[in-house]
Amino acid sequence: MNTTHPRRRFLKQLAASIGATSLLSLPILAADAPVHLEENDPTAIALGYKKDTTKVDPKKYPQHQPDQKCINCALYTGKPDATDGPCTAFANKLVTADGWCMVYAKKP
C-alpha cells in the first residue's frame, strides 16, 4: 500500500478548499460608483471649489467670472446636459455643472 496516496489526496483537498475559501472572500467586482466632490474635500479647498459659481467669494478669487461654470471648463468631462460630471482636476470625482474652481479653463 502506498502511504503517500492519502497524504497527497489530503494536500490536494486542502489546497482546493483554501483556494475556494479565498475566492469566496473576494469582494464582488462591480463598477465603482462615482464619488461626488464635497466642498470640504482637501483638494476642493485647495482649489477653491464651490458647487455653485454664484457662491464664489470675489475678494478671495478675483479671477472668477460669473459665467465661469464647470460645464464650460475644459477639465469637465461630463455630458453637456448633465447636472454633474467628472472633472480631471479632481481625479474624476463628480462636480456640479454649475460649480467653479480656480483651475477653470474655458473650453475651446
PDB file of N, CA and C in Angstrom:
ATOM      1  N   MET A   1       0.833  -1.173   0.000  1.00  0.00           N
ATOM      2  CA  MET A   1       0.000   0.000   0.000  1.00  0.00           C
ATOM      3  C   MET A   1       0.887   1.248   0.000  1.00  0.00           C
ATOM      4  N   ASN A   2       0.495   2.258  -0.784  1.00  0.00           N
ATOM      5  CA  ASN A   2       1.260   3.486  -0.919  1.00  0.00           C
ATOM      6  C   ASN A   2       0.826   4.467   0.166  1.00  0.00           C
ATOM      7  N   THR A   3       1.764   4.843   1.048  1.00  0.00           N
ATOM      8  CA  THR A   3       1.421   5.724   2.168  1.00  0.00           C
ATOM      9  C   THR A   3       1.324   7.188   1.753  1.00  0.00           C
ATOM     10  N   THR A   4       1.878   7.540   0.606  1.00  0.00           N
ATOM     11  CA  THR A   4       1.803   8.937   0.176  1.00  0.00           C
ATOM     12  C   THR A   4       0.465   9.252  -0.476  1.00  0.00           C
ATOM     13  N   HIS A   5      -0.231   8.230  -0.912  1.00  0.00           N
ATOM     14  CA  HIS A   5      -1.501   8.471  -1.595  1.00  0.00           C
ATOM     15  C   HIS A   5      -2.510   9.223  -0.713  1.00  0.00           C
ATOM     16  N   PRO A   6      -2.799   8.805   0.517  1.00  0.00           N
ATOM     17  CA  PRO A   6      -3.727   9.571   1.352  1.00  0.00           C
ATOM     18  C   PRO A   6      -3.195  10.972   1.667  1.00  0.00           C
ATOM     19  N   ARG A   7      -1.895  11.073   1.853  1.00  0.00           N
ATOM     20  CA  ARG A   7      -1.314  12.377   2.144  1.00  0.00           C
ATOM     21  C   ARG A   7      -1.455  13.304   0.933  1.00  0.00           C
ATOM     22  N   ARG A   8      -1.181  12.761  -0.251  1.00  0.00           N
ATOM     23  CA  ARG A   8      -1.283  13.551  -1.472  1.00  0.00           C
ATOM     24  C   ARG A   8      -2.731  14.001  -1.679  1.00  0.00           C
ATOM     25  N   ARG A   9      -3.678  13.097  -1.455  1.00  0.00           N
ATOM     26  CA  ARG A   9      -5.093  13.443  -1.594  1.00  0.00           C
ATOM     27  C   ARG A   9      -5.473  14.530  -0.572  1.00  0.00           C
ATOM     28  N   PHE A  10      -4.985  14.381   0.655  1.00  0.00           N
ATOM     29  CA  PHE A  10      -5.258  15.376   1.685  1.00  0.00           C
ATOM     30  C   PHE A  10      -4.721  16.746   1.276  1.00  0.00           C
ATOM     31  N   LEU A  11      -3.484  16.795   0.771  1.00  0.00           N
ATOM     32  CA  LEU A  11      -2.893  18.063   0.367  1.00  0.00           C
ATOM     33  C   LEU A  11      -3.662  18.696  -0.801  1.00  0.00           C
ATOM     34  N   LYS A  12      -4.124  17.888  -1.746  1.00  0.00           N
ATOM     35  CA  LYS A  12      -4.913  18.407  -2.862  1.00  0.00           C
ATOM     36  C   LYS A  12      -6.242  18.977  -2.364  1.00  0.00           C
ATOM     37  N   GLN A  13      -6.883  18.264  -1.459  1.00  0.00           N
ATOM     38  CA  GLN A  13      -8.153  18.739  -0.914  1.00  0.00           C
ATOM     39  C   GLN A  13      -7.945  20.022  -0.099  1.00  0.00           C
ATOM     40  N   LEU A  14      -6.852  20.053   0.647  1.00  0.00           N
ATOM     41  CA  LEU A  14      -6.545  21.243   1.434  1.00  0.00           C
ATOM     42  C   LEU A  14      -6.316  22.444   0.515  1.00  0.00           C
ATOM     43  N   ALA A  15      -5.530  22.243  -0.543  1.00  0.00           N
ATOM     44  CA  ALA A  15      -5.259  23.329  -1.493  1.00  0.00           C
ATOM     45  C   ALA A  15      -6.551  23.788  -2.165  1.00  0.00           C
ATOM     46  N   ALA A  16      -7.404  22.864  -2.530  1.00  0.00           N
ATOM     47  CA  ALA A  16      -8.666  23.212  -3.176  1.00  0.00           C
ATOM     48  C   ALA A  16      -9.577  23.980  -2.224  1.00  0.00           C
ATOM     49  N   SER A  17      -9.637  23.566  -0.980  1.00  0.00           N
ATOM     50  CA  SER A  17     -10.513  24.257  -0.029  1.00  0.00           C
ATOM     51  C   SER A  17      -9.971  25.646   0.307  1.00  0.00           C
ATOM     52  N   ILE A  18      -8.656  25.786   0.395  1.00  0.00           N
ATOM     53  CA  ILE A  18      -8.070  27.102   0.642  1.00  0.00           C
ATOM     54  C   ILE A  18      -8.349  28.019  -0.540  1.00  0.00           C
ATOM     55  N   GLY A  19      -8.201  27.494  -1.749  1.00  0.00           N
ATOM     56  CA  GLY A  19      -8.476  28.293  -2.942  1.00  0.00           C
ATOM     57  C   GLY A  19      -9.926  28.710  -3.011  1.00  0.00           C
ATOM     58  N   ALA A  20     -10.846  27.798  -2.714  1.00  0.00           N
ATOM     59  CA  ALA A  20     -12.267  28.127  -2.750  1.00  0.00           C
ATOM     60  C   ALA A  20     -12.609  29.158  -1.687  1.00  0.00           C
ATOM     61  N   THR A  21     -12.025  29.000  -0.504  1.00  0.00           N
ATOM     62  CA  THR A  21     -12.268  29.964   0.564  1.00  0.00           C
ATOM     63  C   THR A  21     -11.751  31.336   0.169  1.00  0.00           C
ATOM     64  N   SER A  22     -10.590  31.383  -0.464  1.00  0.00           N
ATOM     65  CA  SER A  22     -10.027  32.659  -0.904  1.00  0.00           C
ATOM     66  C   SER A  22     -10.919  33.329  -1.931  1.00  0.00           C
ATOM     67  N   LEU A  23     -11.436  32.558  -2.863  1.00  0.00           N
ATOM     68  CA  LEU A  23     -12.323  33.119  -3.878  1.00  0.00           C
ATOM     69  C   LEU A  23     -13.611  33.646  -3.273  1.00  0.00           C
ATOM     70  N   LEU A  24     -14.129  32.939  -2.279  1.00  0.00           N
ATOM     71  CA  LEU A  24     -15.372  33.383  -1.654  1.00  0.00           C
ATOM     72  C   LEU A  24     -15.188  34.654  -0.846  1.00  0.00           C
ATOM     73  N   SER A  25     -13.977  34.889  -0.376  1.00  0.00           N
ATOM     74  CA  SER A  25     -13.751  36.075   0.435  1.00  0.00           C
ATOM     75  C   SER A  25     -13.465  37.317  -0.398  1.00  0.00           C
ATOM     76  N   LEU A  26     -13.275  37.167  -1.719  1.00  0.00           N
ATOM     77  CA  LEU A  26     -13.032  38.324  -2.569  1.00  0.00           C
ATOM     78  C   LEU A  26     -14.305  39.143  -2.719  1.00  0.00           C
ATOM     79  N   PRO A  27     -14.193  40.458  -2.726  1.00  0.00           N
ATOM     80  CA  PRO A  27     -15.389  41.271  -2.957  1.00  0.00           C
ATOM     81  C   PRO A  27     -15.876  41.083  -4.377  1.00  0.00           C
ATOM     82  N   ILE A  28     -17.146  41.186  -4.553  1.00  0.00           N
ATOM     83  CA  ILE A  28     -17.716  41.057  -5.884  1.00  0.00           C
ATOM     84  C   ILE A  28     -17.258  42.252  -6.693  1.00  0.00           C
ATOM     85  N   LEU A  29     -16.724  41.966  -7.871  1.00  0.00           N
ATOM     86  CA  LEU A  29     -16.235  43.048  -8.709  1.00  0.00           C
ATOM     87  C   LEU A  29     -17.413  43.767  -9.328  1.00  0.00           C
ATOM     88  N   ALA A  30     -17.548  45.016  -9.004  1.00  0.00           N
ATOM     89  CA  ALA A  30     -18.618  45.844  -9.552  1.00  0.00           C
ATOM     90  C   ALA A  30     -18.021  47.183  -9.920  1.00  0.00           C
ATOM     91  N   ALA A  31     -18.661  47.842 -10.821  1.00  0.00           N
ATOM     92  CA  ALA A  31     -18.196  49.171 -11.204  1.00  0.00           C
ATOM     93  C   ALA A  31     -18.290  50.092  -9.991  1.00  0.00           C
ATOM     94  N   ASP A  32     -17.204  50.791  -9.749  1.00  0.00           N
ATOM     95  CA  ASP A  32     -17.215  51.730  -8.632  1.00  0.00           C
ATOM     96  C   ASP A  32     -18.201  52.849  -8.932  1.00  0.00           C
ATOM     97  N   ALA A  33     -19.018  53.154  -7.963  1.00  0.00           N
ATOM     98  CA  ALA A  33     -19.972  54.251  -8.130  1.00  0.00           C
ATOM     99  C   ALA A  33     -19.194  55.560  -8.122  1.00  0.00           C
ATOM    100  N   PRO A  34     -19.567  56.485  -8.980  1.00  0.00           N
ATOM    101  CA  PRO A  34     -18.866  57.770  -8.981  1.00  0.00           C
ATOM    102  C   PRO A  34     -19.016  58.482  -7.645  1.00  0.00           C
ATOM    103  N   VAL A  35     -17.978  59.176  -7.255  1.00  0.00           N
ATOM    104  CA  VAL A  35     -17.960  59.889  -5.984  1.00  0.00           C
ATOM    105  C   VAL A  35     -18.168  61.373  -6.253  1.00  0.00           C
ATOM    106  N   HIS A  36     -19.089  61.975  -5.529  1.00  0.00           N
ATOM    107  CA  HIS A  36     -19.329  63.411  -5.645  1.00  0.00           C
ATOM    108  C   HIS A  36     -18.292  64.166  -4.824  1.00  0.00           C
ATOM    109  N   LEU A  37     -17.751  65.191  -5.417  1.00  0.00           N
ATOM    110  CA  LEU A  37     -16.778  66.032  -4.725  1.00  0.00           C
ATOM    111  C   LEU A  37     -17.506  66.922  -3.735  1.00  0.00           C
ATOM    112  N   GLU A  38     -17.031  66.939  -2.516  1.00  0.00           N
ATOM    113  CA  GLU A  38     -17.600  67.804  -1.483  1.00  0.00           C
ATOM    114  C   GLU A  38     -16.708  69.030  -1.325  1.00  0.00           C
ATOM    115  N   GLU A  39     -17.300  70.135  -0.961  1.00  0.00           N
ATOM    116  CA  GLU A  39     -16.536  71.372  -0.797  1.00  0.00           C
ATOM    117  C   GLU A  39     -15.507  71.279   0.323  1.00  0.00           C
ATOM    118  N   ASN A  40     -15.700  70.364   1.270  1.00  0.00           N
ATOM    119  CA  ASN A  40     -14.739  70.223   2.378  1.00  0.00           C
ATOM    120  C   ASN A  40     -13.630  69.212   2.069  1.00  0.00           C
ATOM    121  N   ASP A  41     -13.609  68.662   0.865  1.00  0.00           N
ATOM    122  CA  ASP A  41     -12.534  67.774   0.422  1.00  0.00           C
ATOM    123  C   ASP A  41     -11.245  68.609   0.380  1.00  0.00           C
ATOM    124  N   PRO A  42     -10.106  68.075   0.846  1.00  0.00           N
ATOM    125  CA  PRO A  42      -8.865  68.856   0.879  1.00  0.00           C
ATOM    126  C   PRO A  42      -8.464  69.445  -0.483  1.00  0.00           C
ATOM    127  N   THR A  43      -8.630  68.687  -1.542  1.00  0.00           N
ATOM    128  CA  THR A  43      -8.294  69.207  -2.869  1.00  0.00           C
ATOM    129  C   THR A  43      -9.274  70.289  -3.284  1.00  0.00           C
ATOM    130  N   ALA A  44     -10.546  70.111  -2.956  1.00  0.00           N
ATOM    131  CA  ALA A  44     -11.552  71.125  -3.267  1.00  0.00           C
ATOM    132  C   ALA A  44     -11.241  72.426  -2.531  1.00  0.00           C
ATOM    133  N   ILE A  45     -10.836  72.324  -1.292  1.00  0.00           N
ATOM    134  CA  ILE A  45     -10.475  73.509  -0.510  1.00  0.00           C
ATOM    135  C   ILE A  45      -9.263  74.197  -1.149  1.00  0.00           C
ATOM    136  N   ALA A  46      -8.266  73.402  -1.510  1.00  0.00           N
ATOM    137  CA  ALA A  46      -7.044  73.963  -2.090  1.00  0.00           C
ATOM    138  C   ALA A  46      -7.313  74.685  -3.412  1.00  0.00           C
ATOM    139  N   LEU A  47      -8.289  74.191  -4.173  1.00  0.00           N
ATOM    140  CA  LEU A  47      -8.586  74.793  -5.473  1.00  0.00           C
ATOM    141  C   LEU A  47      -9.806  75.707  -5.442  1.00  0.00           C
ATOM    142  N   GLY A  48     -10.334  75.974  -4.261  1.00  0.00           N
ATOM    143  CA  GLY A  48     -11.439  76.915  -4.113  1.00  0.00           C
ATOM    144  C   GLY A  48     -12.744  76.458  -4.735  1.00  0.00           C
ATOM    145  N   TYR A  49     -12.959  75.140  -4.800  1.00  0.00           N
ATOM    146  CA  TYR A  49     -14.174  74.603  -5.439  1.00  0.00           C
ATOM    147  C   TYR A  49     -15.432  75.003  -4.683  1.00  0.00           C
ATOM    148  N   LYS A  50     -16.408  75.456  -5.437  1.00  0.00           N
ATOM    149  CA  LYS A  50     -17.758  75.721  -4.921  1.00  0.00           C
ATOM    150  C   LYS A  50     -18.742  75.017  -5.837  1.00  0.00           C
ATOM    151  N   LYS A  51     -19.751  74.403  -5.242  1.00  0.00           N
ATOM    152  CA  LYS A  51     -20.775  73.701  -6.025  1.00  0.00           C
ATOM    153  C   LYS A  51     -21.623  74.660  -6.849  1.00  0.00           C
ATOM    154  N   ASP A  52     -21.653  75.917  -6.438  1.00  0.00           N
ATOM    155  CA  ASP A  52     -22.456  76.936  -7.109  1.00  0.00           C
ATOM    156  C   ASP A  52     -21.558  78.138  -7.395  1.00  0.00           C
ATOM    157  N   THR A  53     -21.377  78.436  -8.672  1.00  0.00           N
ATOM    158  CA  THR A  53     -20.481  79.530  -9.055  1.00  0.00           C
ATOM    159  C   THR A  53     -20.896  80.878  -8.477  1.00  0.00           C
ATOM    160  N   THR A  54     -22.177  81.044  -8.148  1.00  0.00           N
ATOM    161  CA  THR A  54     -22.633  82.317  -7.565  1.00  0.00           C
ATOM    162  C   THR A  54     -22.196  82.473  -6.118  1.00  0.00           C
ATOM    163  N   LYS A  55     -21.689  81.411  -5.494  1.00  0.00           N
ATOM    164  CA  LYS A  55     -21.253  81.449  -4.088  1.00  0.00           C
ATOM    165  C   LYS A  55     -19.749  81.711  -3.937  1.00  0.00           C
ATOM    166  N   VAL A  56     -19.047  81.922  -5.062  1.00  0.00           N
ATOM    167  CA  VAL A  56     -17.606  82.157  -5.002  1.00  0.00           C
ATOM    168  C   VAL A  56     -17.343  83.555  -4.458  1.00  0.00           C
ATOM    169  N   ASP A  57     -16.421  83.649  -3.516  1.00  0.00           N
ATOM    170  CA  ASP A  57     -16.047  84.922  -2.898  1.00  0.00           C
ATOM    171  C   ASP A  57     -15.170  85.714  -3.872  1.00  0.00           C
ATOM    172  N   PRO A  58     -15.684  86.836  -4.412  1.00  0.00           N
ATOM    173  CA  PRO A  58     -14.904  87.596  -5.394  1.00  0.00           C
ATOM    174  C   PRO A  58     -13.646  88.247  -4.812  1.00  0.00           C
ATOM    175  N   LYS A  59     -13.628  88.495  -3.521  1.00  0.00           N
ATOM    176  CA  LYS A  59     -12.426  89.067  -2.900  1.00  0.00           C
ATOM    177  C   LYS A  59     -11.318  88.020  -2.808  1.00  0.00           C
ATOM    178  N   LYS A  60     -11.699  86.803  -2.498  1.00  0.00           N
ATOM    179  CA  LYS A  60     -10.727  85.717  -2.377  1.00  0.00           C
ATOM    180  C   LYS A  60     -10.277  85.214  -3.751  1.00  0.00           C
ATOM    181  N   TYR A  61     -11.188  85.238  -4.740  1.00  0.00           N
ATOM    182  CA  TYR A  61     -10.900  84.743  -6.087  1.00  0.00           C
ATOM    183  C   TYR A  61     -11.259  85.809  -7.119  1.00  0.00           C
ATOM    184  N   PRO A  62     -10.434  86.851  -7.239  1.00  0.00           N
ATOM    185  CA  PRO A  62     -10.759  87.945  -8.158  1.00  0.00           C
ATOM    186  C   PRO A  62     -10.775  87.529  -9.632  1.00  0.00           C
ATOM    187  N   GLN A  63     -10.146  86.406  -9.968  1.00  0.00           N
ATOM    188  CA  GLN A  63     -10.142  85.927 -11.350  1.00  0.00           C
ATOM    189  C   GLN A  63     -11.490  85.315 -11.758  1.00  0.00           C
ATOM    190  N   HIS A  64     -12.332  85.015 -10.787  1.00  0.00           N
ATOM    191  CA  HIS A  64     -13.637  84.389 -11.055  1.00  0.00           C
ATOM    192  C   HIS A  64     -14.552  85.342 -11.826  1.00  0.00           C
ATOM    193  N   GLN A  65     -15.226  84.779 -12.810  1.00  0.00           N
ATOM    194  CA  GLN A  65     -16.239  85.499 -13.570  1.00  0.00           C
ATOM    195  C   GLN A  65     -17.556  84.739 -13.420  1.00  0.00           C
ATOM    196  N   PRO A  66     -18.682  85.439 -13.292  1.00  0.00           N
ATOM    197  CA  PRO A  66     -19.970  84.776 -13.058  1.00  0.00           C
ATOM    198  C   PRO A  66     -20.363  83.739 -14.121  1.00  0.00           C
ATOM    199  N   ASP A  67     -19.909  83.926 -15.362  1.00  0.00           N
ATOM    200  CA  ASP A  67     -20.276  82.977 -16.410  1.00  0.00           C
ATOM    201  C   ASP A  67     -19.379  81.732 -16.430  1.00  0.00           C
ATOM    202  N   GLN A  68     -18.354  81.685 -15.584  1.00  0.00           N
ATOM    203  CA  GLN A  68     -17.477  80.526 -15.500  1.00  0.00           C
ATOM    204  C   GLN A  68     -18.143  79.443 -14.663  1.00  0.00           C
ATOM    205  N   LYS A  69     -18.387  78.321 -15.289  1.00  0.00           N
ATOM    206  CA  LYS A  69     -19.001  77.165 -14.620  1.00  0.00           C
ATOM    207  C   LYS A  69     -18.257  75.913 -15.052  1.00  0.00           C
ATOM    208  N   CYS A  70     -18.304  74.918 -14.226  1.00  0.00           N
ATOM    209  CA  CYS A  70     -17.641  73.654 -14.547  1.00  0.00           C
ATOM    210  C   CYS A  70     -18.060  73.124 -15.920  1.00  0.00           C
ATOM    211  N   ILE A  71     -19.314  73.249 -16.255  1.00  0.00           N
ATOM    212  CA  ILE A  71     -19.802  72.717 -17.523  1.00  0.00           C
ATOM    213  C   ILE A  71     -19.125  73.382 -18.720  1.00  0.00           C
ATOM    214  N   ASN A  72     -18.597  74.612 -18.539  1.00  0.00           N
ATOM    215  CA  ASN A  72     -17.894  75.335 -19.605  1.00  0.00           C
ATOM    216  C   ASN A  72     -16.385  75.135 -19.546  1.00  0.00           C
ATOM    217  N   CYS A  73     -15.913  74.319 -18.610  1.00  0.00           N
ATOM    218  CA  CYS A  73     -14.478  74.149 -18.368  1.00  0.00           C
ATOM    219  C   CYS A  73     -13.920  72.978 -19.180  1.00  0.00           C
ATOM    220  N   ALA A  74     -12.699  73.143 -19.668  1.00  0.00           N
ATOM    221  CA  ALA A  74     -12.041  72.099 -20.449  1.00  0.00           C
ATOM    222  C   ALA A  74     -11.741  70.849 -19.618  1.00  0.00           C
ATOM    223  N   LEU A  75     -11.679  70.977 -18.299  1.00  0.00           N
ATOM    224  CA  LEU A  75     -11.373  69.833 -17.437  1.00  0.00           C
ATOM    225  C   LEU A  75     -12.614  69.009 -17.082  1.00  0.00           C
ATOM    226  N   TYR A  76     -13.786  69.556 -17.355  1.00  0.00           N
ATOM    227  CA  TYR A  76     -15.057  68.879 -17.076  1.00  0.00           C
ATOM    228  C   TYR A  76     -15.326  67.901 -18.207  1.00  0.00           C
ATOM    229  N   THR A  77     -15.563  66.630 -17.873  1.00  0.00           N
ATOM    230  CA  THR A  77     -15.774  65.612 -18.899  1.00  0.00           C
ATOM    231  C   THR A  77     -17.189  65.036 -18.880  1.00  0.00           C
ATOM    232  N   GLY A  78     -18.095  65.725 -18.203  1.00  0.00           N
ATOM    233  CA  GLY A  78     -19.478  65.274 -18.154  1.00  0.00           C
ATOM    234  C   GLY A  78     -20.226  65.608 -19.429  1.00  0.00           C
ATOM    235  N   LYS A  79     -21.421  65.086 -19.539  1.00  0.00           N
ATOM    236  CA  LYS A  79     -22.268  65.354 -20.696  1.00  0.00           C
ATOM    237  C   LYS A  79     -22.754  66.800 -20.645  1.00  0.00           C
ATOM    238  N   PRO A  80     -22.952  67.426 -21.814  1.00  0.00           N
ATOM    239  CA  PRO A  80     -23.347  68.841 -21.852  1.00  0.00           C
ATOM    240  C   PRO A  80     -24.673  69.162 -21.156  1.00  0.00           C
ATOM    241  N   ASP A  81     -25.566  68.195 -21.047  1.00  0.00           N
ATOM    242  CA  ASP A  81     -26.871  68.450 -20.436  1.00  0.00           C
ATOM    243  C   ASP A  81     -26.987  67.881 -19.018  1.00  0.00           C
ATOM    244  N   ALA A  82     -25.873  67.406 -18.461  1.00  0.00           N
ATOM    245  CA  ALA A  82     -25.892  66.785 -17.134  1.00  0.00           C
ATOM    246  C   ALA A  82     -25.838  67.834 -16.030  1.00  0.00           C
ATOM    247  N   THR A  83     -26.339  67.477 -14.858  1.00  0.00           N
ATOM    248  CA  THR A  83     -26.263  68.379 -13.698  1.00  0.00           C
ATOM    249  C   THR A  83     -24.932  68.241 -12.971  1.00  0.00           C
ATOM    250  N   ASP A  84     -24.212  67.145 -13.245  1.00  0.00           N
ATOM    251  CA  ASP A  84     -22.878  66.952 -12.699  1.00  0.00           C
ATOM    252  C   ASP A  84     -22.102  66.027 -13.616  1.00  0.00           C
ATOM    253  N   GLY A  85     -20.787  65.999 -13.415  1.00  0.00           N
ATOM    254  CA  GLY A  85     -19.949  65.142 -14.240  1.00  0.00           C
ATOM    255  C   GLY A  85     -18.539  65.084 -13.692  1.00  0.00           C
ATOM    256  N   PRO A  86     -17.737  64.169 -14.234  1.00  0.00           N
ATOM    257  CA  PRO A  86     -16.367  64.015 -13.764  1.00  0.00           C
ATOM    258  C   PRO A  86     -15.494  65.208 -14.146  1.00  0.00           C
ATOM    259  N   CYS A  87     -14.518  65.482 -13.289  1.00  0.00           N
ATOM    260  CA  CYS A  87     -13.558  66.555 -13.548  1.00  0.00           C
ATOM    261  C   CYS A  87     -12.155  65.990 -13.382  1.00  0.00           C
ATOM    262  N   THR A  88     -11.311  66.210 -14.368  1.00  0.00           N
ATOM    263  CA  THR A  88      -9.949  65.684 -14.300  1.00  0.00           C
ATOM    264  C   THR A  88      -9.108  66.372 -13.229  1.00  0.00           C
ATOM    265  N   ALA A  89      -9.457  67.579 -12.840  1.00  0.00           N
ATOM    266  CA  ALA A  89      -8.719  68.267 -11.780  1.00  0.00           C
ATOM    267  C   ALA A  89      -8.925  67.600 -10.426  1.00  0.00           C
ATOM    268  N   PHE A  90     -10.000  66.850 -10.290  1.00  0.00           N
ATOM    269  CA  PHE A  90     -10.337  66.210  -9.018  1.00  0.00           C
ATOM    270  C   PHE A  90     -10.387  64.693  -9.155  1.00  0.00           C
ATOM    271  N   ALA A  91      -9.458  64.135  -9.915  1.00  0.00           N
ATOM    272  CA  ALA A  91      -9.358  62.683 -10.091  1.00  0.00           C
ATOM    273  C   ALA A  91     -10.683  62.076 -10.538  1.00  0.00           C
ATOM    274  N   ASN A  92     -11.376  62.796 -11.413  1.00  0.00           N
ATOM    275  CA  ASN A  92     -12.648  62.358 -11.987  1.00  0.00           C
ATOM    276  C   ASN A  92     -13.782  62.194 -10.984  1.00  0.00           C
ATOM    277  N   LYS A  93     -13.677  62.832  -9.849  1.00  0.00           N
ATOM    278  CA  LYS A  93     -14.825  62.900  -8.945  1.00  0.00           C
ATOM    279  C   LYS A  93     -15.878  63.763  -9.629  1.00  0.00           C
ATOM    280  N   LEU A  94     -17.126  63.574  -9.249  1.00  0.00           N
ATOM    281  CA  LEU A  94     -18.205  64.338  -9.863  1.00  0.00           C
ATOM    282  C   LEU A  94     -18.287  65.740  -9.266  1.00  0.00           C
ATOM    283  N   VAL A  95     -18.330  66.721 -10.131  1.00  0.00           N
ATOM    284  CA  VAL A  95     -18.524  68.111  -9.726  1.00  0.00           C
ATOM    285  C   VAL A  95     -19.848  68.575 -10.313  1.00  0.00           C
ATOM    286  N   THR A  96     -20.443  69.597  -9.725  1.00  0.00           N
ATOM    287  CA  THR A  96     -21.699  70.102 -10.261  1.00  0.00           C
ATOM    288  C   THR A  96     -21.419  70.916 -11.522  1.00  0.00           C
ATOM    289  N   ALA A  97     -22.325  70.849 -12.459  1.00  0.00           N
ATOM    290  CA  ALA A  97     -22.171  71.578 -13.713  1.00  0.00           C
ATOM    291  C   ALA A  97     -22.113  73.085 -13.459  1.00  0.00           C
ATOM    292  N   ASP A  98     -22.795  73.549 -12.420  1.00  0.00           N
ATOM    293  CA  ASP A  98     -22.820  74.974 -12.084  1.00  0.00           C
ATOM    294  C   ASP A  98     -21.720  75.369 -11.101  1.00  0.00           C
ATOM    295  N   GLY A  99     -20.783  74.465 -10.846  1.00  0.00           N
ATOM    296  CA  GLY A  99     -19.714  74.741  -9.905  1.00  0.00           C
ATOM    297  C   GLY A  99     -18.577  75.537 -10.519  1.00  0.00           C
ATOM    298  N   TRP A 100     -17.545  75.787  -9.703  1.00  0.00           N
ATOM    299  CA  TRP A 100     -16.372  76.532 -10.154  1.00  0.00           C
ATOM    300  C   TRP A 100     -15.188  76.207  -9.258  1.00  0.00           C
ATOM    301  N   CYS A 101     -13.998  76.266  -9.824  1.00  0.00           N
ATOM    302  CA  CYS A 101     -12.761  76.213  -9.038  1.00  0.00           C
ATOM    303  C   CYS A 101     -11.717  77.065  -9.742  1.00  0.00           C
ATOM    304  N   MET A 102     -10.609  77.330  -9.069  1.00  0.00           N
ATOM    305  CA  MET A 102      -9.621  78.270  -9.597  1.00  0.00           C
ATOM    306  C   MET A 102      -8.784  77.728 -10.755  1.00  0.00           C
ATOM    307  N   VAL A 103      -8.921  76.468 -11.120  1.00  0.00           N
ATOM    308  CA  VAL A 103      -8.208  75.958 -12.306  1.00  0.00           C
ATOM    309  C   VAL A 103      -9.116  75.984 -13.541  1.00  0.00           C
ATOM    310  N   TYR A 104     -10.204  76.713 -13.437  1.00  0.00           N
ATOM    311  CA  TYR A 104     -11.141  76.829 -14.554  1.00  0.00           C
ATOM    312  C   TYR A 104     -10.381  77.238 -15.824  1.00  0.00           C
ATOM    313  N   ALA A 105     -10.656  76.500 -16.900  1.00  0.00           N
ATOM    314  CA  ALA A 105     -10.078  76.815 -18.217  1.00  0.00           C
ATOM    315  C   ALA A 105     -11.199  76.682 -19.234  1.00  0.00           C
ATOM    316  N   LYS A 106     -11.537  77.766 -19.877  1.00  0.00           N
ATOM    317  CA  LYS A 106     -12.652  77.767 -20.828  1.00  0.00           C
ATOM    318  C   LYS A 106     -12.430  76.730 -21.923  1.00  0.00           C
ATOM    319  N   LYS A 107     -13.502  76.000 -22.239  1.00  0.00           N
ATOM    320  CA  LYS A 107     -13.433  75.030 -23.326  1.00  0.00           C
ATOM    321  C   LYS A 107     -13.151  75.772 -24.630  1.00  0.00           C
ATOM    322  N   PRO A 108     -12.320  75.180 -25.481  1.00  0.00           N
ATOM    323  CA  PRO A 108     -12.031  75.851 -26.761  1.00  0.00           C
ATOM    324  C   PRO A 108     -13.240  75.890 -27.680  1.00  0.00           C
TER     325      PRO A 108
END
